[in-house]
Protein backbone atom coordinates (compact mmCIF):
# COMPACT_ATOMS: atom_id res chain seq x y z
CA MET A 1 21.96 -44.41 2.75
CA ASP A 2 22.50 -43.08 6.24
CA VAL A 3 25.13 -40.59 7.11
CA GLY A 4 26.57 -41.55 10.53
CA ILE A 5 28.94 -39.95 12.92
CA PRO A 6 32.13 -41.40 11.31
CA GLU A 7 31.13 -40.01 7.90
CA LEU A 8 30.55 -36.59 9.31
CA ILE A 9 33.86 -36.54 11.13
CA VAL A 10 35.54 -37.29 7.72
CA ILE A 11 33.74 -34.49 5.98
CA LEU A 12 34.37 -32.00 8.81
CA VAL A 13 38.22 -32.82 8.59
CA ILE A 14 38.12 -32.45 4.79
CA VAL A 15 36.37 -29.16 5.19
CA MET A 16 38.95 -27.99 7.77
CA LEU A 17 41.90 -28.97 5.55
CA LEU A 18 40.43 -27.26 2.52
CA PHE A 19 39.18 -23.92 4.26
CA GLY A 20 41.21 -23.71 7.39
CA VAL A 21 39.92 -23.51 10.95
CA GLY A 22 39.79 -19.65 10.94
CA ARG A 23 37.30 -19.37 7.99
CA LEU A 24 34.83 -22.01 9.32
CA PRO A 25 32.83 -19.64 11.44
CA GLU A 26 32.67 -17.24 8.39
CA ILE A 27 31.59 -19.89 6.06
CA GLY A 28 29.05 -21.22 8.55
CA GLY A 29 27.49 -17.74 8.99
CA ALA A 30 27.18 -17.18 5.47
CA LEU A 31 25.56 -20.55 4.96
CA GLY A 32 23.23 -19.95 7.81
CA LYS A 33 22.15 -16.55 6.29
CA SER A 34 21.48 -18.18 2.95
CA VAL A 35 19.34 -20.81 4.45
CA ARG A 36 17.41 -18.19 6.43
CA ASN A 37 16.77 -16.03 3.29
CA PHE A 38 15.64 -19.05 1.36
CA LYS A 39 13.26 -20.09 3.93
CA GLU A 40 11.77 -16.53 4.18
CA GLU A 41 11.38 -16.28 0.39
CA MET A 42 9.71 -19.66 0.27
CA ARG A 43 7.41 -18.59 3.20
CA ASP A 44 6.65 -15.24 1.30
CA ASP A 45 5.95 -17.08 -1.94
CA SER A 46 3.52 -19.32 -0.32
CA GLU A 47 1.58 -16.49 1.30
CA LYS A 48 1.24 -14.42 -1.77
CA PRO A 49 -1.07 -15.59 -4.78
CA SER A 50 0.94 -16.54 -7.84
CA GLU A 51 0.89 -14.64 -11.18
CA ALA A 52 -1.00 -17.66 -12.76
CA GLU A 53 -3.67 -17.44 -9.98
CA LYS A 54 -4.10 -13.60 -10.50
CA LYS A 55 -4.48 -13.99 -14.24
CA SER A 56 -7.12 -16.64 -13.89
CA ASP A 57 -9.10 -14.45 -11.41
CA GLU A 58 -9.03 -11.64 -13.76
CA THR A 59 -10.35 -13.65 -16.87
CA ASP A 60 -13.11 -15.17 -14.76
CA THR A 61 -14.69 -11.84 -13.88
């Protein structure tokens, strides 16, 4: 199930009709910030040990 150029153009036209051309940069910026924050949180979570690991370390000693 590939999304090609014609499908992307149709999606872009529908988005432009729904939100208007003036709000597209605002929506794109908000979406970009959300994705960036999500990636940072995922990276932070993978660097820190989880609560379960901490509890198992405490019970082992």
